[in-house]
């Protein structure tokens, strides 16, 4: 006969001793899922005997699972990209921590700033490496003078975001035209780092105001009209041809060389730079894999999730690292676009949107913190339902092979 597993979570006070005789007199005892460490002693010995009895085929049924007051039942790690123009990675981690605590009072939360090589990369790395920010004046994407900065750490390392000197957000939408933008300011940051003695330089080349190699994919958001895009695509092909004539290096065969207006190709060809995935580089620098120890769930996300999210963005990088360790991941995003579900092939188990009604982008950004908090609370409440179904809600519903019902 198959038996039912019945589980009841009963928190006890730290000073409340569990009497072994009392435990023996309860309906036969075996833990269904043991997430917490139980100290050596009579309770653990009794559990071991009951497990052995179950293995030997004796009638055993799980009735109580005790957790000491103050012990954490759920451990969360929050690692979301920023929502551009509204919420930073750090703000998101704070909102998630507050929301998780409102649903799971005894949970443990940890937040870490992450980025994919675009906006927020320097902040994420400097926080992880306990570095410093160096500020200076450079020329922006339209050759205007602007304040910029980069990060330094360990005496010899510098990390630079080209977006800090040549980024798309630095240009009002009505003034964007990829025929007129430049990465000159990024070169000024590199020169300053060299003059300051830094010889190990990492350059994050996402988020640029300049035209990509993938002209027809990203050129429109940078102000390109159909006519401009056709011209830029022809120019990029000519640029690659000239590089080959000068160096005999075919940049079309270098993965990532077209990123950020061809800056990747220039760095590779003229400075012998190594090309690496932005998100993987950041995750390695912040030692992300070590942060996954004993974590039950990871929450990541970005402002808008679509088909591009699966290719080198924060959610896909986080998802793949977690999948390797068997840890579930939820993405909380501002909105979903075409092909967003593709991210589920890269370790993301579910997608939750912050938008909860019909509204303009302007309203959504103004209410970003409120909307994110609402989505976070909804997410944790749903997790509470899942926790009940998966661990404590097995009353009369889950059968266990080899165990007999003693009632």
Protein backbone atom coordinates (compact mmCIF):
# COMPACT_ATOMS: atom_id res chain seq x y z
CA UNK A 1 0.00 0.00 0.00
CA UNK A 2 1.27 3.47 -0.83
CA UNK A 3 1.37 6.00 2.01
CA UNK A 4 0.75 9.73 2.17
CA UNK A 5 3.47 12.11 3.29
CA UNK A 6 2.07 14.72 5.69
CA UNK A 7 4.24 17.70 6.54
CA UNK A 8 3.61 20.49 9.04
CA UNK A 9 6.07 23.31 9.68
CA UNK A 10 6.09 24.25 13.36
CA UNK A 11 8.62 26.94 14.40
CA UNK A 12 9.78 26.49 17.99
CA UNK A 13 11.50 28.82 20.41
CA UNK A 14 15.28 28.51 20.72
CA UNK A 15 14.90 27.49 24.36
CA UNK A 16 12.21 24.92 23.63
CA UNK A 17 13.94 21.53 23.88
CA UNK A 18 12.50 18.77 21.71
CA UNK A 19 12.15 15.67 23.84
CA UNK A 20 13.26 12.52 22.07
CA UNK A 21 10.68 10.36 23.86
CA UNK A 22 7.94 12.76 22.76
CA UNK A 23 9.26 12.56 19.24
CA UNK A 24 9.23 8.76 19.39
CA UNK A 25 5.60 8.77 20.52
CA UNK A 26 4.51 10.87 17.56
CA UNK A 27 3.40 9.21 14.36
CA UNK A 28 6.48 7.71 12.74
CA UNK A 29 8.89 10.41 11.59
CA UNK A 30 10.94 10.96 8.43
CA UNK A 31 11.86 14.28 6.78
CA UNK A 32 10.59 14.82 3.24
CA UNK A 33 13.05 17.57 2.37
CA UNK A 34 15.83 18.68 4.69
CA UNK A 35 17.05 22.19 3.83
CA UNK A 36 18.48 23.15 7.21
CA UNK A 37 21.34 21.77 9.24
CA UNK A 38 20.29 19.93 12.42
CA UNK A 39 22.98 19.76 15.13
CA UNK A 40 24.27 16.44 16.35
CA UNK A 41 22.12 15.09 19.18
CA UNK A 42 19.09 12.95 19.99
CA UNK A 43 16.81 14.59 17.44
CA UNK A 44 19.22 13.96 14.55
CA UNK A 45 19.87 10.41 15.82
CA UNK A 46 16.14 9.75 15.85
CA UNK A 47 15.79 11.07 12.31
CA UNK A 48 18.59 8.78 11.16
CA UNK A 49 16.88 5.76 12.74
CA UNK A 50 13.61 6.64 11.07
CA UNK A 51 15.33 7.02 7.70
CA UNK A 52 16.91 3.59 8.17
CA UNK A 53 13.53 2.15 9.08
CA UNK A 54 12.04 3.57 5.89
CA UNK A 55 14.87 2.09 3.84
CA UNK A 56 14.23 -1.29 5.52
CA UNK A 57 10.59 -1.14 4.45
CA UNK A 58 9.05 -0.41 7.84
CA UNK A 59 5.97 1.86 8.00
CA UNK A 60 7.20 5.41 8.39
CA UNK A 61 5.45 8.74 7.80
CA UNK A 62 6.72 12.31 8.05
CA UNK A 63 4.62 14.39 10.47
CA UNK A 64 6.69 17.28 11.85
CA UNK A 65 9.55 19.38 10.62
CA UNK A 66 10.96 21.74 13.27
CA UNK A 67 12.86 24.93 12.54
CA UNK A 68 14.45 26.94 15.30
CA UNK A 69 13.30 30.54 15.58
CA UNK A 70 15.60 32.87 13.65
CA UNK A 71 16.83 30.22 11.21
CA UNK A 72 16.36 31.14 7.58
CA UNK A 73 14.06 29.00 5.47
CA UNK A 74 14.69 30.73 2.14
CA UNK A 75 17.91 32.24 0.79
CA UNK A 76 17.66 34.71 -2.07
CA UNK A 77 20.28 36.34 -4.29
CA UNK A 78 19.31 39.45 -6.25
CA UNK A 79 21.35 40.28 -9.35
CA UNK A 80 19.40 42.49 -11.74
CA UNK A 81 20.61 44.85 -14.41
CA UNK A 82 19.52 48.45 -13.99
CA UNK A 83 16.30 49.74 -15.53
CA UNK A 84 17.83 52.43 -17.73
CA UNK A 85 16.81 55.89 -16.65
CA UNK A 86 14.71 54.80 -13.68
CA UNK A 87 16.17 52.19 -11.30
CA UNK A 88 19.76 51.24 -10.53
CA UNK A 89 20.86 47.68 -9.84
CA UNK A 90 21.41 48.68 -6.21
CA UNK A 91 17.93 50.20 -5.87
CA UNK A 92 16.38 47.04 -7.28
CA UNK A 93 18.23 44.87 -4.77
CA UNK A 94 16.94 47.08 -1.94
CA UNK A 95 13.33 46.86 -3.15
CA UNK A 96 13.59 43.07 -3.51
CA UNK A 97 15.05 42.72 0.00
CA UNK A 98 12.21 44.74 1.51
CA UNK A 99 9.57 42.85 -0.47
CA UNK A 100 11.02 39.43 0.36
CA UNK A 101 11.05 40.27 4.07
CA UNK A 102 7.38 41.24 3.98
CA UNK A 103 6.44 37.76 2.73
CA UNK A 104 9.22 35.61 4.22
CA UNK A 105 10.21 37.33 7.52
CA UNK A 106 13.02 34.87 8.24
CA UNK A 107 14.56 34.81 4.76
CA UNK A 108 18.16 35.70 3.99
CA UNK A 109 18.76 38.17 1.16
CA UNK A 110 21.85 39.33 -0.65
CA UNK A 111 22.07 41.81 -3.50
CA UNK A 112 24.88 42.32 -5.97
CA UNK A 113 25.22 44.96 -8.68
CA UNK A 114 25.71 43.54 -12.17
CA UNK A 115 25.99 44.88 -15.71
CA UNK A 116 26.54 43.45 -19.18
CA UNK A 117 29.32 45.71 -20.39
CA UNK A 118 27.15 48.78 -20.83
CA UNK A 119 25.83 51.25 -18.28
CA UNK A 120 26.66 50.31 -14.68
CA UNK A 121 29.69 48.15 -15.45
CA UNK A 122 32.20 50.36 -13.64
CA UNK A 123 29.96 50.66 -10.59
CA UNK A 124 29.47 46.88 -10.39
CA UNK A 125 33.17 46.07 -10.73
CA UNK A 126 34.36 48.81 -8.35
CA UNK A 127 31.91 47.68 -5.69
CA UNK A 128 33.14 44.11 -6.03
CA UNK A 129 36.84 45.00 -6.13
CA UNK A 130 36.72 47.78 -3.50
CA UNK A 131 38.12 50.24 -6.02
CA UNK A 132 37.87 53.98 -6.59
CA UNK A 133 36.45 56.36 -9.18
CA UNK A 134 38.68 58.81 -11.09
CA UNK A 135 36.87 61.82 -12.59
CA UNK A 136 37.95 64.09 -15.46
CA UNK A 137 36.65 66.23 -18.34
CA UNK A 138 36.52 64.70 -21.82
CA UNK A 139 34.69 65.26 -25.10
CA UNK A 140 31.25 63.70 -25.46
CA UNK A 141 29.72 61.95 -28.47
CA UNK A 142 29.03 65.29 -30.19
CA UNK A 143 32.47 66.67 -29.21
CA UNK A 144 31.00 68.74 -26.38
CA UNK A 145 33.01 68.99 -23.16
CA UNK A 146 31.54 66.75 -20.46
CA UNK A 147 32.37 65.30 -17.05
CA UNK A 148 33.28 61.64 -17.11
CA UNK A 149 34.97 59.01 -14.96
CA UNK A 150 36.37 55.50 -14.84
CA UNK A 151 37.24 52.99 -12.11
CA UNK A 152 40.61 51.92 -10.77
CA UNK A 153 41.57 49.11 -8.42
CA UNK A 154 44.51 47.09 -7.12
CA UNK A 155 47.00 49.74 -8.21
CA UNK A 156 47.32 48.55 -11.80
CA UNK A 157 43.77 47.95 -13.07
CA UNK A 158 41.39 50.39 -14.73
CA UNK A 159 37.85 49.71 -15.93
CA UNK A 160 36.32 52.10 -18.44
CA UNK A 161 32.78 52.40 -19.80
CA UNK A 162 32.74 53.91 -23.23
CA UNK A 163 29.14 54.86 -22.40
CA UNK A 164 30.53 57.28 -19.80
CA UNK A 165 32.10 59.36 -22.58
CA UNK A 166 30.38 58.22 -25.78
CA UNK A 167 27.03 56.87 -24.56
CA UNK A 168 23.65 57.10 -26.25
CA UNK A 169 21.86 58.59 -23.19
CA UNK A 170 24.20 61.60 -23.43
CA UNK A 171 22.35 62.79 -26.55
CA UNK A 172 18.70 63.96 -26.48
CA UNK A 173 16.58 61.82 -28.84
CA UNK A 174 15.91 64.74 -31.17
CA UNK A 175 19.67 65.30 -31.68
CA UNK A 176 20.70 61.71 -32.39
CA UNK A 177 22.44 61.07 -35.69
CA UNK A 178 25.09 58.33 -36.00
CA UNK A 179 26.76 60.26 -38.82
CA UNK A 180 27.85 62.88 -36.28
CA UNK A 181 28.82 60.87 -33.19
CA UNK A 182 32.30 59.93 -32.06
CA UNK A 183 34.21 57.83 -29.53
CA UNK A 184 36.91 60.47 -29.15
CA UNK A 185 36.11 60.90 -25.45
CA UNK A 186 36.59 57.20 -24.81
CA UNK A 187 40.10 57.52 -26.22
CA UNK A 188 40.71 60.38 -23.77
CA UNK A 189 39.75 58.09 -20.87
CA UNK A 190 42.16 55.41 -22.12
CA UNK A 191 44.94 57.97 -22.50
CA UNK A 192 44.38 59.28 -18.96
CA UNK A 193 44.50 55.76 -17.51
CA UNK A 194 47.81 55.12 -19.26
CA UNK A 195 49.22 58.44 -18.06
CA UNK A 196 48.23 57.51 -14.51
CA UNK A 197 50.21 54.28 -14.77
CA UNK A 198 47.41 51.75 -15.22
CA UNK A 199 48.43 49.00 -17.59
CA UNK A 200 45.62 46.45 -17.15
CA UNK A 201 42.64 48.17 -18.73
CA UNK A 202 39.18 46.68 -19.25
CA UNK A 203 36.89 48.62 -21.59
CA UNK A 204 33.14 48.03 -21.56
CA UNK A 205 31.99 48.87 -25.07
CA UNK A 206 28.20 48.66 -24.81
CA UNK A 207 25.63 51.44 -24.81
CA UNK A 208 27.34 53.59 -27.42
CA UNK A 209 25.94 56.53 -29.33
CA UNK A 210 27.96 55.45 -32.36
CA UNK A 211 26.80 53.09 -35.10
CA UNK A 212 27.19 49.32 -34.69
CA UNK A 213 28.40 46.87 -37.00
CA UNK A 214 24.86 45.46 -36.75
CA UNK A 215 23.66 48.67 -38.44
CA UNK A 216 20.12 47.59 -39.30
CA UNK A 217 19.52 46.06 -35.88
CA UNK A 218 20.60 48.89 -33.59
CA UNK A 219 21.08 51.88 -35.88
CA UNK A 220 17.49 53.11 -35.64
CA UNK A 221 17.64 53.68 -31.88
CA UNK A 222 20.74 55.80 -32.45
CA UNK A 223 18.92 58.15 -34.80
CA UNK A 224 19.51 56.43 -38.10
CA UNK A 225 16.95 56.90 -40.88
CA UNK A 226 16.73 54.30 -43.68
CA UNK A 227 18.95 56.47 -45.86
CA UNK A 228 21.50 56.99 -43.07
CA UNK A 229 21.53 53.27 -42.28
CA UNK A 230 22.27 52.34 -45.88
CA UNK A 231 25.16 54.81 -45.94
CA UNK A 232 26.50 53.62 -42.56
CA UNK A 233 26.40 49.97 -43.60
CA UNK A 234 28.43 50.78 -46.71
CA UNK A 235 30.86 52.80 -44.60
CA UNK A 236 31.32 49.92 -42.13
CA UNK A 237 32.15 47.54 -44.97
CA UNK A 238 34.70 50.01 -46.32
CA UNK A 239 36.14 50.44 -42.81
CA UNK A 240 36.64 46.69 -42.50
CA UNK A 241 38.28 46.58 -45.92
CA UNK A 242 40.75 49.34 -44.99
CA UNK A 243 41.64 47.58 -41.73
CA UNK A 244 42.41 44.41 -43.67
CA UNK A 245 44.61 46.31 -46.13
CA UNK A 246 46.58 47.87 -43.26
CA UNK A 247 46.88 44.87 -40.94
CA UNK A 248 45.84 41.77 -42.94
CA UNK A 249 43.32 41.08 -40.16
CA UNK A 250 39.76 40.28 -41.27
CA UNK A 251 37.66 41.90 -38.54
CA UNK A 252 34.49 40.32 -39.92
CA UNK A 253 35.80 37.02 -38.56
CA UNK A 254 36.37 38.38 -35.04
CA UNK A 255 33.34 37.77 -32.76
CA UNK A 256 32.18 41.03 -31.20
CA UNK A 257 34.38 43.24 -33.33
CA UNK A 258 31.40 45.16 -34.69
CA UNK A 259 30.16 46.15 -31.23
CA UNK A 260 30.02 49.81 -30.25
CA UNK A 261 30.53 51.36 -33.64
CA UNK A 262 33.46 49.16 -34.55
CA UNK A 263 35.40 50.15 -31.44
CA UNK A 264 35.91 46.48 -30.63
CA UNK A 265 37.60 45.95 -33.97
CA UNK A 266 39.86 48.96 -33.46
CA UNK A 267 40.89 47.86 -29.97
CA UNK A 268 41.57 44.34 -31.19
CA UNK A 269 43.52 45.35 -34.28
CA UNK A 270 45.53 48.31 -33.01
CA UNK A 271 45.87 47.59 -29.27
CA UNK A 272 45.83 43.76 -29.35
CA UNK A 273 42.92 43.70 -26.89
CA UNK A 274 41.20 40.46 -25.90
CA UNK A 275 37.48 40.29 -26.70
CA UNK A 276 35.32 38.79 -23.94
CA UNK A 277 31.62 38.67 -23.14
CA UNK A 278 30.70 41.69 -21.05
CA UNK A 279 28.37 39.88 -18.66
CA UNK A 280 30.72 36.93 -18.18
CA UNK A 281 33.63 39.27 -17.47
CA UNK A 282 31.63 41.15 -14.85
CA UNK A 283 30.36 37.92 -13.25
CA UNK A 284 33.93 36.61 -13.04
CA UNK A 285 35.22 39.84 -11.50
CA UNK A 286 32.55 39.88 -8.79
CA UNK A 287 33.07 36.13 -8.17
CA UNK A 288 29.40 35.48 -8.85
CA UNK A 289 29.59 31.68 -8.77
CA UNK A 290 30.78 31.75 -5.15
CA UNK A 291 27.72 33.85 -4.23
CA UNK A 292 25.43 31.02 -5.33
CA UNK A 293 26.41 28.74 -2.45
CA UNK A 294 23.29 27.65 -0.50
CA UNK A 295 21.05 29.99 -2.50
CA UNK A 296 17.48 28.77 -3.10
CA UNK A 297 16.46 31.30 -5.74
CA UNK A 298 18.01 34.06 -7.83
CA UNK A 299 16.08 37.06 -9.14
CA UNK A 300 17.48 38.98 -12.10
CA UNK A 301 15.98 41.23 -14.76
CA UNK A 302 16.29 44.28 -16.99
CA UNK A 303 14.14 47.16 -18.19
CA UNK A 304 12.84 45.48 -21.33
CA UNK A 305 13.15 41.82 -22.21
CA UNK A 306 12.95 40.67 -25.82
CA UNK A 307 14.79 38.34 -28.18
CA UNK A 308 18.03 40.28 -27.68
CA UNK A 309 18.06 39.42 -23.97
CA UNK A 310 19.27 35.91 -24.76
CA UNK A 311 22.47 37.19 -26.35
CA UNK A 312 25.02 38.47 -23.85
CA UNK A 313 22.60 40.39 -21.62
CA UNK A 314 22.49 40.16 -17.83
CA UNK A 315 19.52 37.73 -17.57
CA UNK A 316 21.06 35.18 -19.93
CA UNK A 317 24.45 35.39 -18.19
CA UNK A 318 22.87 34.96 -14.76
CA UNK A 319 20.55 32.23 -16.01
CA UNK A 320 23.32 30.09 -17.47
CA UNK A 321 25.48 30.34 -14.32
CA UNK A 322 22.50 29.32 -12.17
CA UNK A 323 21.43 26.51 -14.50
CA UNK A 324 24.88 24.96 -14.11
CA UNK A 325 24.27 24.79 -10.36
CA UNK A 326 20.61 23.76 -10.54
CA UNK A 327 19.31 27.01 -9.04
CA UNK A 328 15.98 28.44 -10.30
CA UNK A 329 15.89 32.01 -11.63
CA UNK A 330 13.06 34.50 -12.02
CA UNK A 331 13.39 37.63 -14.16
CA UNK A 332 11.46 40.74 -13.13
CA UNK A 333 11.37 43.11 -16.10
CA UNK A 334 9.77 46.40 -16.99
CA UNK A 335 8.16 45.04 -20.15
CA UNK A 336 8.29 42.14 -22.58
CA UNK A 337 8.86 42.44 -26.31
CA UNK A 338 8.91 40.06 -29.24
CA UNK A 339 10.77 36.82 -28.53
CA UNK A 340 11.17 37.45 -24.79
CA UNK A 341 10.31 33.82 -24.01
CA UNK A 342 13.53 32.71 -25.72
CA UNK A 343 15.31 33.64 -22.48
CA UNK A 344 13.80 30.49 -20.94
CA UNK A 345 16.31 28.51 -23.01
CA UNK A 346 19.06 30.26 -21.05
CA UNK A 347 18.22 29.31 -17.49
CA UNK A 348 15.36 31.72 -16.74
CA UNK A 349 12.35 29.86 -15.31
CA UNK A 350 9.75 32.64 -15.32
CA UNK A 351 9.29 36.29 -16.34
CA UNK A 352 7.31 38.82 -14.29
CA UNK A 353 6.56 42.32 -15.63
CA UNK A 354 6.32 45.42 -13.47
CA UNK A 355 3.75 47.11 -15.73
CA UNK A 356 0.34 46.38 -14.24
CA UNK A 357 -1.93 48.41 -16.49
CA UNK A 358 -2.16 50.56 -19.61
CA UNK A 359 0.28 53.45 -19.27
CA UNK A 360 2.82 55.47 -21.21
CA UNK A 361 6.56 54.86 -20.98
CA UNK A 362 6.87 58.22 -19.21
CA UNK A 363 4.39 57.19 -16.53
CA UNK A 364 6.04 53.79 -16.12
CA UNK A 365 9.42 55.42 -15.54
CA UNK A 366 8.02 57.98 -13.12
CA UNK A 367 6.37 55.18 -11.11
CA UNK A 368 9.26 52.74 -11.56
CA UNK A 369 9.94 52.12 -7.86
CA UNK A 370 6.26 51.71 -6.98
CA UNK A 371 5.65 49.35 -9.90
CA UNK A 372 8.76 47.29 -9.17
CA UNK A 373 7.79 46.93 -5.51
CA UNK A 374 4.33 45.70 -6.50
CA UNK A 375 5.80 43.15 -8.92
CA UNK A 376 8.30 41.98 -6.32
CA UNK A 377 5.63 41.41 -3.68
CA UNK A 378 3.49 39.51 -6.20
CA UNK A 379 6.51 37.37 -7.06
CA UNK A 380 7.28 36.46 -3.46
CA UNK A 381 3.65 35.73 -2.69
CA UNK A 382 3.57 33.34 -5.62
CA UNK A 383 6.75 31.76 -4.30
CA UNK A 384 4.94 31.34 -1.00
CA UNK A 385 2.24 29.38 -2.80
CA UNK A 386 4.88 27.26 -4.48
CA UNK A 387 6.65 26.67 -1.18
CA UNK A 388 3.38 25.53 0.36
CA UNK A 389 2.67 23.16 -2.50
CA UNK A 390 6.22 21.84 -2.68
CA UNK A 391 7.11 21.40 0.99
CA UNK A 392 4.27 21.94 3.43
CA UNK A 393 1.23 21.41 1.22
CA UNK A 394 1.66 17.67 0.73
CA UNK A 395 -1.20 16.73 3.05
CA UNK A 396 -3.09 13.87 1.48
CA UNK A 397 -1.81 14.69 -2.00
CA UNK A 398 1.63 13.24 -2.48
CA UNK A 399 2.31 9.55 -2.45
CA UNK A 400 5.63 8.04 -1.48
CA UNK A 401 6.81 4.74 -2.88
CA UNK A 402 7.88 2.26 -0.20
CA UNK A 403 6.27 4.09 2.72
CA UNK A 404 3.06 2.83 4.32
CA UNK A 405 0.36 5.02 5.80
CA UNK A 406 0.32 4.41 9.56
CA UNK A 407 -3.03 6.16 10.19
